[in-house]
Each structure stands twice: as structure tokens, then as C-alpha cells.
């Protein structure tokens, strides 16, 4: 693993070296998730799925729900219960 040194600007910004951006296919406007541990910061590119990928995941979820015996009316109740838990 290659190590690159970066300097933090007065506004807290850093510059990712070109070689690193190219290796990870990071372009202007892309999002990075930042994770902090005791003494390390990890940056991970966040990739939105393509329409095709999302559609395939949705098909998998529908197949799983059908196999588990869930119908459309069950899904509405499940979504409501999860949303209620998030608020509390």
C-alpha cells in the first residue's frame, strides 16, 4: 500500500492526489463517506446503484417477500413499524 501525505487547509479541506482519484475512479462531485477511529480516518467512495442494479435488487426483495409469504398489504405495515422505531 502506497502512502501519500496531504495537508489540511485552513477551511479543513484536503486534496486527494490524482493517482489515488484515478485508481478509485473518483471524479468531481462524487461523494465519500468518512469513518473515524481512534487514530485513523478512512474515506470510502459512495456509489449510487445504476437503474439496472436497483431494479435487480428490487426484484430480489420482491421474490424474497413472496417466498416468505408477504403481500403488498403486509409491506405497508412493516414500513410503518420501522419508521415508528426510527423516531423513538
Protein backbone atom coordinates (compact mmCIF):
# COMPACT_ATOMS: atom_id res chain seq x y z
CA UNK A 1 0.00 0.00 0.00
CA UNK A 2 1.35 3.39 -1.02
CA UNK A 3 1.15 6.29 1.44
CA UNK A 4 0.56 9.87 0.31
CA UNK A 5 0.92 12.91 2.55
CA UNK A 6 -1.79 15.57 2.41
CA UNK A 7 -2.08 18.93 4.10
CA UNK A 8 -5.29 20.20 5.66
CA UNK A 9 -6.24 23.72 4.52
CA UNK A 10 -7.43 26.46 6.88
CA UNK A 11 -11.00 25.53 5.96
CA UNK A 12 -10.42 21.84 6.74
CA UNK A 13 -10.16 20.68 3.13
CA UNK A 14 -7.71 18.11 1.80
CA UNK A 15 -6.52 17.39 -1.73
CA UNK A 16 -6.70 13.77 -2.91
CA UNK A 17 -3.75 13.02 -5.17
CA UNK A 18 -4.60 12.45 -8.84
CA UNK A 19 -3.15 8.93 -8.84
CA UNK A 20 -5.40 7.98 -5.92
CA UNK A 21 -8.52 9.51 -7.52
CA UNK A 22 -7.83 7.69 -10.79
CA UNK A 23 -7.19 4.36 -9.07
CA UNK A 24 -10.54 4.61 -7.25
CA UNK A 25 -12.45 6.24 -10.15
CA UNK A 26 -13.29 9.28 -8.01
CA UNK A 27 -14.50 12.27 -10.03
CA UNK A 28 -15.59 15.81 -9.23
CA UNK A 29 -18.95 15.75 -7.48
CA UNK A 30 -18.59 12.18 -6.19
CA UNK A 31 -19.40 11.53 -2.54
CA UNK A 32 -17.05 10.00 0.03
CA UNK A 33 -18.09 8.54 3.38
CA UNK A 34 -15.68 9.35 6.22
CA UNK A 35 -15.18 6.98 9.14
CA UNK A 36 -13.11 7.96 12.16
CA UNK A 37 -11.50 5.52 14.57
CA UNK A 38 -9.16 6.24 17.49
CA UNK A 39 -6.30 7.48 15.33
CA UNK A 40 -7.38 6.95 11.73
CA UNK A 41 -9.71 8.43 9.14
CA UNK A 42 -11.00 6.18 6.38
CA UNK A 43 -12.54 7.64 3.23
CA UNK A 44 -14.74 5.39 1.12
CA UNK A 45 -16.33 6.29 -2.21
CA UNK A 46 -20.13 6.14 -2.10
CA UNK A 47 -21.59 4.77 -5.30
CA UNK A 48 -25.26 5.04 -6.17
CA UNK A 49 -26.60 1.95 -7.89
CA UNK A 50 -27.47 2.11 -11.57
CA UNK A 51 -31.13 1.81 -12.53
CA UNK A 52 -30.43 -1.77 -13.59
CA UNK A 53 -28.76 -2.66 -10.28
CA UNK A 54 -31.57 -1.09 -8.26
CA UNK A 55 -34.17 -2.89 -10.35
CA UNK A 56 -32.39 -6.22 -9.78
CA UNK A 57 -32.27 -5.61 -6.01
CA UNK A 58 -35.97 -4.73 -6.02
CA UNK A 59 -36.75 -7.94 -7.92
CA UNK A 60 -34.75 -9.93 -5.34
CA UNK A 61 -36.60 -8.26 -2.48
CA UNK A 62 -39.97 -8.95 -4.11
CA UNK A 63 -39.04 -12.61 -4.66
CA UNK A 64 -37.91 -12.93 -1.03
CA UNK A 65 -41.13 -11.31 0.24
CA UNK A 66 -43.28 -13.58 -1.92
CA UNK A 67 -41.33 -16.65 -0.75
CA UNK A 68 -41.75 -15.56 2.89
CA UNK A 69 -45.49 -15.17 2.29
CA UNK A 70 -45.66 -11.39 2.49
CA UNK A 71 -48.14 -9.48 0.36
CA UNK A 72 -48.37 -5.77 -0.54
CA UNK A 73 -50.62 -5.05 2.45
CA UNK A 74 -48.02 -6.62 4.79
CA UNK A 75 -45.27 -4.37 3.42
CA UNK A 76 -47.15 -1.17 4.34
CA UNK A 77 -47.41 -2.34 7.96
CA UNK A 78 -43.74 -3.33 8.10
CA UNK A 79 -42.63 0.03 6.70
CA UNK A 80 -44.80 1.90 9.24
CA UNK A 81 -43.40 -0.11 12.16
CA UNK A 82 -39.79 0.53 11.07
CA UNK A 83 -40.45 4.24 10.64
CA UNK A 84 -42.02 4.40 14.12
CA UNK A 85 -38.94 2.72 15.65
CA UNK A 86 -36.60 5.23 13.96
CA UNK A 87 -38.45 8.19 15.50
CA UNK A 88 -38.09 6.90 19.06
